[in-house]
Amino acid sequence: MPEYEFRDVYVPRGVSRTATTRLLTDHAEYGHWELARVRRYPDGSRRVRLRRRIIRQVRATW
């Protein structure tokens, strides 16, 4: 079972959809994050949960 780390991003209500898309695309492209969940609130703000896989390195023994 893969392990993930999570990051919550809060997007206030005044931020446009285009700006939000650009923000999330930058996180995905440069930080290797993927979208896990989006929650929209009645006031128009959004809370976005991003996740990325934790890759553990195994030490080689000689």
PDB file of N, CA and C in Angstrom:
ATOM      1  N   MET A   1       0.844  -1.187   0.000  1.00  0.00           N
ATOM      2  CA  MET A   1       0.000   0.000   0.000  1.00  0.00           C
ATOM      3  C   MET A   1       0.886   1.246   0.000  1.00  0.00           C
ATOM      4  N   PRO A   2       0.706   2.117  -0.956  1.00  0.00           N
ATOM      5  CA  PRO A   2       1.565   3.313  -1.012  1.00  0.00           C
ATOM      6  C   PRO A   2       1.234   4.304   0.102  1.00  0.00           C
ATOM      7  N   GLU A   3       2.253   5.017   0.536  1.00  0.00           N
ATOM      8  CA  GLU A   3       2.079   6.057   1.541  1.00  0.00           C
ATOM      9  C   GLU A   3       2.066   7.409   0.846  1.00  0.00           C
ATOM     10  N   TYR A   4       1.254   8.322   1.361  1.00  0.00           N
ATOM     11  CA  TYR A   4       1.140   9.649   0.782  1.00  0.00           C
ATOM     12  C   TYR A   4       1.383  10.707   1.837  1.00  0.00           C
ATOM     13  N   GLU A   5       1.877  11.851   1.385  1.00  0.00           N
ATOM     14  CA  GLU A   5       1.891  13.037   2.227  1.00  0.00           C
ATOM     15  C   GLU A   5       0.855  13.993   1.647  1.00  0.00           C
ATOM     16  N   PHE A   6       0.267  14.803   2.499  1.00  0.00           N
ATOM     17  CA  PHE A   6      -0.828  15.670   2.096  1.00  0.00           C
ATOM     18  C   PHE A   6      -0.486  17.121   2.354  1.00  0.00           C
ATOM     19  N   ARG A   7      -1.077  17.978   1.539  1.00  0.00           N
ATOM     20  CA  ARG A   7      -0.958  19.422   1.721  1.00  0.00           C
ATOM     21  C   ARG A   7      -2.328  20.032   1.474  1.00  0.00           C
ATOM     22  N   ASP A   8      -2.774  20.856   2.405  1.00  0.00           N
ATOM     23  CA  ASP A   8      -4.041  21.559   2.245  1.00  0.00           C
ATOM     24  C   ASP A   8      -3.767  22.966   1.740  1.00  0.00           C
ATOM     25  N   VAL A   9      -4.506  23.362   0.716  1.00  0.00           N
ATOM     26  CA  VAL A   9      -4.379  24.693   0.135  1.00  0.00           C
ATOM     27  C   VAL A   9      -5.735  25.378   0.259  1.00  0.00           C
ATOM     28  N   TYR A  10      -5.741  26.565   0.844  1.00  0.00           N
ATOM     29  CA  TYR A  10      -6.967  27.331   0.979  1.00  0.00           C
ATOM     30  C   TYR A  10      -7.001  28.385  -0.112  1.00  0.00           C
ATOM     31  N   VAL A  11      -8.104  28.434  -0.854  1.00  0.00           N
ATOM     32  CA  VAL A  11      -8.269  29.414  -1.918  1.00  0.00           C
ATOM     33  C   VAL A  11      -9.438  30.315  -1.525  1.00  0.00           C
ATOM     34  N   PRO A  12      -9.170  31.596  -1.267  1.00  0.00           N
ATOM     35  CA  PRO A  12     -10.238  32.499  -0.845  1.00  0.00           C
ATOM     36  C   PRO A  12     -11.268  32.733  -1.946  1.00  0.00           C
ATOM     37  N   ARG A  13     -12.401  33.287  -1.573  1.00  0.00           N
ATOM     38  CA  ARG A  13     -13.509  33.411  -2.501  1.00  0.00           C
ATOM     39  C   ARG A  13     -13.267  34.370  -3.648  1.00  0.00           C
ATOM     40  N   GLY A  14     -12.391  35.325  -3.531  1.00  0.00           N
ATOM     41  CA  GLY A  14     -12.160  36.297  -4.594  1.00  0.00           C
ATOM     42  C   GLY A  14     -11.264  35.800  -5.717  1.00  0.00           C
ATOM     43  N   VAL A  15     -10.651  34.648  -5.549  1.00  0.00           N
ATOM     44  CA  VAL A  15      -9.710  34.128  -6.542  1.00  0.00           C
ATOM     45  C   VAL A  15     -10.496  33.490  -7.683  1.00  0.00           C
ATOM     46  N   SER A  16     -10.138  33.868  -8.914  1.00  0.00           N
ATOM     47  CA  SER A  16     -10.862  33.358 -10.079  1.00  0.00           C
ATOM     48  C   SER A  16     -10.565  31.882 -10.311  1.00  0.00           C
ATOM     49  N   ARG A  17     -11.407  31.289 -11.105  1.00  0.00           N
ATOM     50  CA  ARG A  17     -11.232  29.881 -11.449  1.00  0.00           C
ATOM     51  C   ARG A  17      -9.946  29.657 -12.235  1.00  0.00           C
ATOM     52  N   THR A  18      -9.632  30.596 -13.118  1.00  0.00           N
ATOM     53  CA  THR A  18      -8.400  30.508 -13.913  1.00  0.00           C
ATOM     54  C   THR A  18      -7.160  30.572 -13.026  1.00  0.00           C
ATOM     55  N   ALA A  19      -7.163  31.487 -12.070  1.00  0.00           N
ATOM     56  CA  ALA A  19      -6.024  31.617 -11.158  1.00  0.00           C
ATOM     57  C   ALA A  19      -5.875  30.370 -10.283  1.00  0.00           C
ATOM     58  N   THR A  20      -6.995  29.812  -9.850  1.00  0.00           N
ATOM     59  CA  THR A  20      -6.958  28.589  -9.054  1.00  0.00           C
ATOM     60  C   THR A  20      -6.392  27.435  -9.866  1.00  0.00           C
ATOM     61  N   THR A  21      -6.817  27.326 -11.110  1.00  0.00           N
ATOM     62  CA  THR A  21      -6.300  26.274 -11.992  1.00  0.00           C
ATOM     63  C   THR A  21      -4.797  26.426 -12.189  1.00  0.00           C
ATOM     64  N   ARG A  22      -4.341  27.651 -12.387  1.00  0.00           N
ATOM     65  CA  ARG A  22      -2.910  27.905 -12.580  1.00  0.00           C
ATOM     66  C   ARG A  22      -2.126  27.540 -11.321  1.00  0.00           C
ATOM     67  N   LEU A  23      -2.658  27.888 -10.155  1.00  0.00           N
ATOM     68  CA  LEU A  23      -2.007  27.569  -8.884  1.00  0.00           C
ATOM     69  C   LEU A  23      -1.863  26.060  -8.705  1.00  0.00           C
ATOM     70  N   LEU A  24      -2.947  25.325  -8.942  1.00  0.00           N
ATOM     71  CA  LEU A  24      -2.920  23.876  -8.765  1.00  0.00           C
ATOM     72  C   LEU A  24      -2.054  23.193  -9.814  1.00  0.00           C
ATOM     73  N   THR A  25      -2.046  23.734 -11.031  1.00  0.00           N
ATOM     74  CA  THR A  25      -1.182  23.191 -12.082  1.00  0.00           C
ATOM     75  C   THR A  25       0.284  23.348 -11.711  1.00  0.00           C
ATOM     76  N   ASP A  26       0.643  24.498 -11.149  1.00  0.00           N
ATOM     77  CA  ASP A  26       2.032  24.710 -10.716  1.00  0.00           C
ATOM     78  C   ASP A  26       2.426  23.729  -9.617  1.00  0.00           C
ATOM     79  N   HIS A  27       1.532  23.495  -8.669  1.00  0.00           N
ATOM     80  CA  HIS A  27       1.815  22.513  -7.614  1.00  0.00           C
ATOM     81  C   HIS A  27       2.021  21.118  -8.218  1.00  0.00           C
ATOM     82  N   ALA A  28       1.194  20.779  -9.179  1.00  0.00           N
ATOM     83  CA  ALA A  28       1.287  19.451  -9.788  1.00  0.00           C
ATOM     84  C   ALA A  28       2.550  19.314 -10.623  1.00  0.00           C
ATOM     85  N   GLU A  29       2.852  20.346 -11.387  1.00  0.00           N
ATOM     86  CA  GLU A  29       3.972  20.257 -12.321  1.00  0.00           C
ATOM     87  C   GLU A  29       5.322  20.301 -11.620  1.00  0.00           C
ATOM     88  N   TYR A  30       5.479  21.206 -10.663  1.00  0.00           N
ATOM     89  CA  TYR A  30       6.786  21.405 -10.049  1.00  0.00           C
ATOM     90  C   TYR A  30       6.959  20.671  -8.729  1.00  0.00           C
ATOM     91  N   GLY A  31       5.872  20.350  -8.046  1.00  0.00           N
ATOM     92  CA  GLY A  31       5.985  19.683  -6.759  1.00  0.00           C
ATOM     93  C   GLY A  31       5.527  18.243  -6.790  1.00  0.00           C
ATOM     94  N   HIS A  32       5.061  17.780  -7.958  1.00  0.00           N
ATOM     95  CA  HIS A  32       4.591  16.402  -8.136  1.00  0.00           C
ATOM     96  C   HIS A  32       3.398  16.077  -7.244  1.00  0.00           C
ATOM     97  N   TRP A  33       2.535  17.071  -7.025  1.00  0.00           N
ATOM     98  CA  TRP A  33       1.331  16.864  -6.246  1.00  0.00           C
ATOM     99  C   TRP A  33       0.194  16.470  -7.174  1.00  0.00           C
ATOM    100  N   GLU A  34      -0.758  15.734  -6.656  1.00  0.00           N
ATOM    101  CA  GLU A  34      -1.966  15.410  -7.419  1.00  0.00           C
ATOM    102  C   GLU A  34      -3.181  15.766  -6.560  1.00  0.00           C
ATOM    103  N   LEU A  35      -4.280  15.993  -7.223  1.00  0.00           N
ATOM    104  CA  LEU A  35      -5.500  16.424  -6.550  1.00  0.00           C
ATOM    105  C   LEU A  35      -6.137  15.248  -5.821  1.00  0.00           C
ATOM    106  N   ALA A  36      -6.400  15.429  -4.540  1.00  0.00           N
ATOM    107  CA  ALA A  36      -7.037  14.372  -3.757  1.00  0.00           C
ATOM    108  C   ALA A  36      -8.497  14.728  -3.466  1.00  0.00           C
ATOM    109  N   ARG A  37      -8.767  16.009  -3.164  1.00  0.00           N
ATOM    110  CA  ARG A  37     -10.132  16.401  -2.787  1.00  0.00           C
ATOM    111  C   ARG A  37     -10.284  17.911  -2.912  1.00  0.00           C
ATOM    112  N   VAL A  38     -11.457  18.333  -3.327  1.00  0.00           N
ATOM    113  CA  VAL A  38     -11.802  19.761  -3.353  1.00  0.00           C
ATOM    114  C   VAL A  38     -13.096  19.936  -2.574  1.00  0.00           C
ATOM    115  N   ARG A  39     -13.099  20.907  -1.699  1.00  0.00           N
ATOM    116  CA  ARG A  39     -14.313  21.206  -0.948  1.00  0.00           C
ATOM    117  C   ARG A  39     -14.644  22.671  -1.151  1.00  0.00           C
ATOM    118  N   ARG A  40     -15.844  22.932  -1.644  1.00  0.00           N
ATOM    119  CA  ARG A  40     -16.314  24.308  -1.840  1.00  0.00           C
ATOM    120  C   ARG A  40     -17.248  24.673  -0.707  1.00  0.00           C
ATOM    121  N   TYR A  41     -17.082  25.889  -0.208  1.00  0.00           N
ATOM    122  CA  TYR A  41     -17.900  26.378   0.887  1.00  0.00           C
ATOM    123  C   TYR A  41     -18.949  27.346   0.358  1.00  0.00           C
ATOM    124  N   PRO A  42     -20.025  27.558   1.122  1.00  0.00           N
ATOM    125  CA  PRO A  42     -21.112  28.433   0.665  1.00  0.00           C
ATOM    126  C   PRO A  42     -20.659  29.868   0.356  1.00  0.00           C
ATOM    127  N   ASP A  43     -19.589  30.333   0.990  1.00  0.00           N
ATOM    128  CA  ASP A  43     -19.123  31.693   0.712  1.00  0.00           C
ATOM    129  C   ASP A  43     -18.291  31.784  -0.572  1.00  0.00           C
ATOM    130  N   GLY A  44     -18.050  30.643  -1.240  1.00  0.00           N
ATOM    131  CA  GLY A  44     -17.302  30.641  -2.497  1.00  0.00           C
ATOM    132  C   GLY A  44     -15.835  30.267  -2.345  1.00  0.00           C
ATOM    133  N   SER A  45     -15.351  30.121  -1.127  1.00  0.00           N
ATOM    134  CA  SER A  45     -13.955  29.722  -0.935  1.00  0.00           C
ATOM    135  C   SER A  45     -13.822  28.214  -1.165  1.00  0.00           C
ATOM    136  N   ARG A  46     -12.589  27.786  -1.347  1.00  0.00           N
ATOM    137  CA  ARG A  46     -12.320  26.370  -1.594  1.00  0.00           C
ATOM    138  C   ARG A  46     -11.186  25.898  -0.694  1.00  0.00           C
ATOM    139  N   ARG A  47     -11.262  24.670  -0.263  1.00  0.00           N
ATOM    140  CA  ARG A  47     -10.156  24.013   0.417  1.00  0.00           C
ATOM    141  C   ARG A  47      -9.787  22.813  -0.426  1.00  0.00           C
ATOM    142  N   VAL A  48      -8.552  22.813  -0.888  1.00  0.00           N
ATOM    143  CA  VAL A  48      -8.069  21.781  -1.804  1.00  0.00           C
ATOM    144  C   VAL A  48      -7.059  20.928  -1.062  1.00  0.00           C
ATOM    145  N   ARG A  49      -7.213  19.625  -1.128  1.00  0.00           N
ATOM    146  CA  ARG A  49      -6.243  18.713  -0.533  1.00  0.00           C
ATOM    147  C   ARG A  49      -5.455  18.063  -1.665  1.00  0.00           C
ATOM    148  N   LEU A  50      -4.139  18.245  -1.598  1.00  0.00           N
ATOM    149  CA  LEU A  50      -3.233  17.651  -2.574  1.00  0.00           C
ATOM    150  C   LEU A  50      -2.499  16.504  -1.905  1.00  0.00           C
ATOM    151  N   ARG A  51      -2.059  15.553  -2.712  1.00  0.00           N
ATOM    152  CA  ARG A  51      -1.280  14.448  -2.162  1.00  0.00           C
ATOM    153  C   ARG A  51      -0.158  14.096  -3.124  1.00  0.00           C
ATOM    154  N   ARG A  52       0.891  13.543  -2.573  1.00  0.00           N
ATOM    155  CA  ARG A  52       1.967  12.976  -3.390  1.00  0.00           C
ATOM    156  C   ARG A  52       2.517  11.762  -2.670  1.00  0.00           C
ATOM    157  N   ARG A  53       2.979  10.862  -3.461  1.00  0.00           N
ATOM    158  CA  ARG A  53       3.454   9.594  -2.940  1.00  0.00           C
ATOM    159  C   ARG A  53       4.808   9.762  -2.271  1.00  0.00           C
ATOM    160  N   ILE A  54       4.982   9.107  -1.137  1.00  0.00           N
ATOM    161  CA  ILE A  54       6.265   9.093  -0.442  1.00  0.00           C
ATOM    162  C   ILE A  54       7.049   7.906  -0.977  1.00  0.00           C
ATOM    163  N   ILE A  55       8.218   8.201  -1.509  1.00  0.00           N
ATOM    164  CA  ILE A  55       9.055   7.141  -2.060  1.00  0.00           C
ATOM    165  C   ILE A  55      10.202   6.911  -1.086  1.00  0.00           C
ATOM    166  N   ARG A  56      10.220   5.743  -0.517  1.00  0.00           N
ATOM    167  CA  ARG A  56      11.267   5.384   0.442  1.00  0.00           C
ATOM    168  C   ARG A  56      12.431   4.742  -0.300  1.00  0.00           C
ATOM    169  N   GLN A  57      13.621   5.178   0.033  1.00  0.00           N
ATOM    170  CA  GLN A  57      14.798   4.584  -0.567  1.00  0.00           C
ATOM    171  C   GLN A  57      15.298   3.460   0.321  1.00  0.00           C
ATOM    172  N   VAL A  58      15.676   2.374  -0.311  1.00  0.00           N
ATOM    173  CA  VAL A  58      16.203   1.219   0.410  1.00  0.00           C
ATOM    174  C   VAL A  58      17.724   1.282   0.321  1.00  0.00           C
ATOM    175  N   ARG A  59      18.365   1.154   1.456  1.00  0.00           N
ATOM    176  CA  ARG A  59      19.832   1.190   1.470  1.00  0.00           C
ATOM    177  C   ARG A  59      20.383  -0.138   0.964  1.00  0.00           C
ATOM    178  N   ALA A  60      21.328  -0.035   0.095  1.00  0.00           N
ATOM    179  CA  ALA A  60      21.988  -1.227  -0.425  1.00  0.00           C
ATOM    180  C   ALA A  60      23.092  -1.636   0.552  1.00  0.00           C
ATOM    181  N   THR A  61      23.165  -2.910   0.855  1.00  0.00           N
ATOM    182  CA  THR A  61      24.230  -3.404   1.724  1.00  0.00           C
ATOM    183  C   THR A  61      25.261  -4.106   0.855  1.00  0.00           C
ATOM    184  N   TRP A  62      26.486  -3.831   1.114  1.00  0.00           N
ATOM    185  CA  TRP A  62      27.571  -4.408   0.283  1.00  0.00           C
ATOM    186  C   TRP A  62      28.175  -5.576   0.931  1.00  0.00           C
TER     187      TRP A  62
END
